[in-house]
Amino acid sequence: MDLDAIRTSYRRWAPVYDSTFGRITRMGRQRAVQAVNRGRGRVLEVGVGTGLSLSSYAPHLEVTGIDYSEDMLERARKRVAAEKLTQVHELRQMDARTLDFPDGHFDTVVAMYLVSVVPEPERVMAEIARVCRPGGQVIIVNHFARDEGLLAWIERRFAPLADRLGWHPDFCRSRIMGEPSLQVAEERRMAPFGLFTFLRLEKA
C-alpha cells in the first residue's frame, strides 16, 4: 500500500473505526497493553489510530503515540482531552518508516494491527528496533497469512482489495522477522478464531 491509499482509507474508516474494527481487535489490544503495563518508562505506540488503547495504559508510563493519519489522530487527541489521560505524553503525525526519535529512546514499542497496513514493513521494523533501548521489548499484534485451509483461501481472495480494505489480508509473518537485534520471547494466537497473533520480542 502507498501513503495516498493509506490516507484515503483511514479518512474513510476514522468515523466508524471504534465501532467496527475496534470491536474486533479489542481482545488483542487488551493483551498487548497488559504486557506493556508490566514494563516501565517510555512507551511508543506506532499506529495509535483513534487512541483506543490510551486509557488502558498504566499511570506510571509515559506514552507517546504516532500515526500517519491526521483524521485518526484528531480523534485520539479528543479522547486524551476528554478522559484527562495524564500518562499520554505526546501524539504526533509521523511516517513509521522514518521515526523522529533518537536511538534507544523507548523502553517498549508497541504496534497493534499496523505491520500489514504500512508500506515497507521491513523498514518500519528496523525503525522500531532502532528506537527501542537494548533490553527493551517490542509488542506486535497482527493478522498473518495462513499457509493452508479455508482462511488461507479467503486471504488470497481478498488480497487484491488491500487498498480499499486498508490492510493486507495475505501478509506474511516472515516480513517482520528479519531484525537480528529482536528475538521472540513470547508468541500466541489471539481471539477471535485465532485470526490474530500476539508477539513479544526482546531487543538484545
Protein backbone atom coordinates (compact mmCIF):
# COMPACT_ATOMS: atom_id res chain seq x y z
CA MET A 1 0.00 0.00 0.00
CA ASP A 2 1.22 3.52 -0.76
CA LEU A 3 0.75 6.51 1.54
CA ASP A 4 -2.04 8.05 -0.54
CA ALA A 5 -4.04 4.81 -0.29
CA ILE A 6 -3.48 4.72 3.48
CA ARG A 7 -4.52 8.35 3.91
CA THR A 8 -7.69 7.85 1.84
CA SER A 9 -8.58 4.56 3.50
CA TYR A 10 -8.25 5.83 7.05
CA ARG A 11 -10.07 9.05 6.31
CA ARG A 12 -12.96 6.78 5.35
CA TRP A 13 -12.51 4.49 8.37
CA ALA A 14 -11.93 7.14 11.05
CA PRO A 15 -15.61 7.96 11.84
CA VAL A 16 -16.60 4.30 12.26
CA TYR A 17 -13.31 2.66 13.28
CA ASP A 18 -14.09 2.35 17.01
CA SER A 19 -17.45 0.67 16.49
CA THR A 20 -16.29 -1.72 13.73
CA PHE A 21 -12.67 -2.81 13.58
CA GLY A 22 -12.14 -1.53 17.11
CA ARG A 23 -14.56 -4.14 18.46
CA ILE A 24 -12.91 -7.00 16.56
CA THR A 25 -9.45 -6.06 17.83
CA ARG A 26 -10.38 -5.35 21.46
CA MET A 27 -9.00 -8.58 22.94
CA GLY A 28 -5.69 -8.23 21.14
CA ARG A 29 -5.30 -4.65 22.33
CA GLN A 30 -6.03 -5.68 25.91
CA ARG A 31 -3.41 -8.43 25.77
CA ALA A 32 -0.82 -6.05 24.32
CA VAL A 33 -1.46 -3.31 26.87
CA GLN A 34 -1.25 -5.82 29.74
CA ALA A 35 2.23 -6.75 28.54
CA VAL A 36 3.22 -3.09 28.19
CA ASN A 37 1.92 -2.22 31.67
CA ARG A 38 4.25 -4.77 33.26
CA GLY A 39 7.15 -2.70 31.97
CA ARG A 40 8.36 0.77 32.86
CA GLY A 41 9.41 4.12 31.48
CA ARG A 42 8.78 5.41 27.99
CA VAL A 43 6.34 3.69 25.63
CA LEU A 44 5.87 4.35 21.92
CA GLU A 45 2.65 3.20 20.24
CA VAL A 46 3.22 3.14 16.49
CA GLY A 47 -0.09 3.49 14.67
CA VAL A 48 -2.04 4.83 17.63
CA GLY A 49 -5.11 5.45 15.45
CA THR A 50 -8.08 6.89 17.31
CA GLY A 51 -6.40 6.16 20.65
CA LEU A 52 -8.50 3.15 21.64
CA SER A 53 -5.73 1.80 23.89
CA LEU A 54 -4.58 5.03 25.51
CA SER A 55 -6.86 4.95 28.55
CA SER A 56 -5.68 1.42 29.42
CA TYR A 57 -2.01 2.25 29.84
CA ALA A 58 -0.82 2.34 33.46
CA PRO A 59 -0.31 5.79 35.02
CA HIS A 60 3.37 5.11 35.74
CA LEU A 61 4.15 5.04 32.00
CA GLU A 62 4.99 7.92 29.67
CA VAL A 63 3.19 7.13 26.41
CA THR A 64 3.89 8.68 23.01
CA GLY A 65 1.61 7.83 20.10
CA ILE A 66 2.24 8.37 16.41
CA ASP A 67 0.08 7.85 13.34
CA TYR A 68 0.25 8.82 9.69
CA SER A 69 -3.47 9.71 9.55
CA GLU A 70 -4.38 13.15 10.89
CA ASP A 71 -8.05 12.13 10.82
CA MET A 72 -7.29 9.31 13.27
CA LEU A 73 -5.01 11.49 15.41
CA GLU A 74 -7.66 14.18 15.79
CA ARG A 75 -9.96 11.63 17.39
CA ALA A 76 -7.15 10.39 19.62
CA ARG A 77 -6.41 13.95 20.81
CA LYS A 78 -10.08 14.49 21.67
CA ARG A 79 -10.08 11.22 23.63
CA VAL A 80 -6.99 12.26 25.62
CA ALA A 81 -8.52 15.64 26.47
CA ALA A 82 -11.96 14.26 27.37
CA GLU A 83 -10.58 11.48 29.58
CA LYS A 84 -7.69 13.56 31.01
CA LEU A 85 -5.14 10.87 30.21
CA THR A 86 -2.06 12.15 32.01
CA GLN A 87 0.02 9.10 31.01
CA VAL A 88 -0.12 10.28 27.39
CA HIS A 89 2.95 12.44 26.84
CA GLU A 90 2.56 13.27 23.15
CA LEU A 91 0.61 12.45 19.98
CA ARG A 92 2.37 13.19 16.70
CA GLN A 93 1.79 12.76 12.98
CA MET A 94 4.67 10.71 11.62
CA ASP A 95 5.70 8.19 8.96
CA ALA A 96 6.64 4.96 10.75
CA ARG A 97 9.43 4.37 8.24
CA THR A 98 11.34 7.43 9.48
CA LEU A 99 10.72 7.82 13.22
CA ASP A 100 11.82 11.19 14.57
CA PHE A 101 13.28 9.84 17.81
CA PRO A 102 16.85 9.07 18.91
CA ASP A 103 18.26 5.55 19.11
CA GLY A 104 17.19 3.55 22.17
CA HIS A 105 14.74 6.21 23.32
CA PHE A 106 11.86 3.91 24.39
CA ASP A 107 11.64 1.06 26.89
CA THR A 108 8.74 -0.51 24.99
CA VAL A 109 7.50 -0.09 21.43
CA VAL A 110 4.06 -1.46 20.58
CA ALA A 111 2.46 -1.81 17.14
CA MET A 112 -1.07 -3.18 17.03
CA TYR A 113 -2.65 -4.08 13.70
CA LEU A 114 -0.05 -1.95 11.91
CA VAL A 115 2.55 -4.00 10.06
CA SER A 116 0.13 -5.27 7.39
CA VAL A 117 -1.02 -1.70 6.71
CA VAL A 118 2.21 0.23 6.19
CA PRO A 119 4.35 0.39 3.06
CA GLU A 120 7.79 -1.17 3.55
CA PRO A 121 7.06 -3.07 6.79
CA GLU A 122 10.67 -4.28 6.92
CA ARG A 123 11.83 -0.67 7.12
CA VAL A 124 9.21 0.06 9.81
CA MET A 125 10.51 -2.85 11.91
CA ALA A 126 14.07 -1.58 11.51
CA GLU A 127 12.96 1.80 12.88
CA ILE A 128 11.04 0.16 15.73
CA ALA A 129 14.16 -1.80 16.67
CA ARG A 130 16.33 1.30 16.44
CA VAL A 131 14.28 3.43 18.86
CA CYS A 132 13.85 0.59 21.38
CA ARG A 133 16.56 0.50 24.06
CA PRO A 134 18.78 -2.57 24.48
CA GLY A 135 16.96 -4.88 26.88
CA GLY A 136 13.62 -3.30 25.95
CA GLN A 137 10.65 -5.03 24.37
CA VAL A 138 8.63 -4.77 21.18
CA ILE A 139 4.98 -5.87 21.20
CA ILE A 140 3.31 -6.75 17.89
CA VAL A 141 -0.31 -7.78 17.42
CA ASN A 142 -1.36 -8.53 13.86
CA HIS A 143 -3.00 -10.90 11.43
CA PHE A 144 -0.58 -13.09 9.49
CA ALA A 145 -1.38 -15.19 6.43
CA ARG A 146 -2.13 -18.89 6.79
CA ASP A 147 -0.42 -21.44 4.56
CA GLU A 148 -3.45 -23.67 4.06
CA GLY A 149 -7.12 -24.16 4.85
CA LEU A 150 -10.24 -22.04 4.42
CA LEU A 151 -8.72 -18.92 5.96
CA ALA A 152 -5.77 -19.08 3.58
CA TRP A 153 -8.17 -19.28 0.62
CA ILE A 154 -10.19 -16.30 1.92
CA GLU A 155 -6.99 -14.27 2.45
CA ARG A 156 -5.88 -14.87 -1.14
CA ARG A 157 -9.31 -13.93 -2.48
CA PHE A 158 -9.35 -10.61 -0.61
CA ALA A 159 -5.69 -9.73 -1.25
CA PRO A 160 -6.41 -7.63 -4.41
CA LEU A 161 -8.70 -5.39 -2.30
CA ALA A 162 -5.91 -4.34 0.09
CA ASP A 163 -6.07 -0.63 -0.83
CA ARG A 164 -9.82 -0.49 -0.18
CA LEU A 165 -9.68 -2.59 2.98
CA GLY A 166 -6.80 -0.56 4.40
CA TRP A 167 -4.67 -3.67 5.17
CA HIS A 168 -3.14 -6.76 3.53
CA PRO A 169 -5.12 -9.92 4.41
CA ASP A 170 -2.32 -12.13 2.99
CA PHE A 171 0.55 -10.55 4.96
CA CYS A 172 3.43 -12.95 5.71
CA ARG A 173 4.89 -13.11 9.23
CA SER A 174 8.39 -13.54 7.80
CA ARG A 175 8.38 -9.95 6.53
CA ILE A 176 8.82 -8.55 10.05
CA MET A 177 11.16 -11.18 11.47
CA GLY A 178 14.41 -10.07 9.85
CA GLU A 179 15.72 -7.74 12.56
CA PRO A 180 18.72 -9.51 14.14
CA SER A 181 18.52 -7.48 17.37
CA LEU A 182 14.96 -8.67 18.08
CA GLN A 183 14.33 -12.15 19.42
CA VAL A 184 10.93 -13.80 20.00
CA ALA A 185 10.21 -14.12 23.74
CA GLU A 186 6.50 -14.99 23.50
CA GLU A 187 4.05 -15.85 20.73
CA ARG A 188 0.40 -16.90 20.83
CA ARG A 189 -2.74 -16.88 18.71
CA MET A 190 -5.49 -14.48 19.73
CA ALA A 191 -9.29 -14.41 19.50
CA PRO A 192 -11.49 -14.25 17.57
CA PHE A 193 -10.86 -17.65 15.95
CA GLY A 194 -7.09 -17.30 16.20
CA LEU A 195 -7.16 -14.64 13.49
CA PHE A 196 -4.53 -12.51 15.22
CA THR A 197 -1.11 -13.24 16.66
CA PHE A 198 0.50 -11.71 19.75
CA LEU A 199 4.29 -11.39 19.55
CA ARG A 200 6.59 -10.15 22.28
CA LEU A 201 10.13 -9.51 21.10
CA GLU A 202 13.13 -8.58 23.22
CA LYS A 203 15.98 -6.40 21.99
CA ALA A 204 19.42 -7.83 22.64
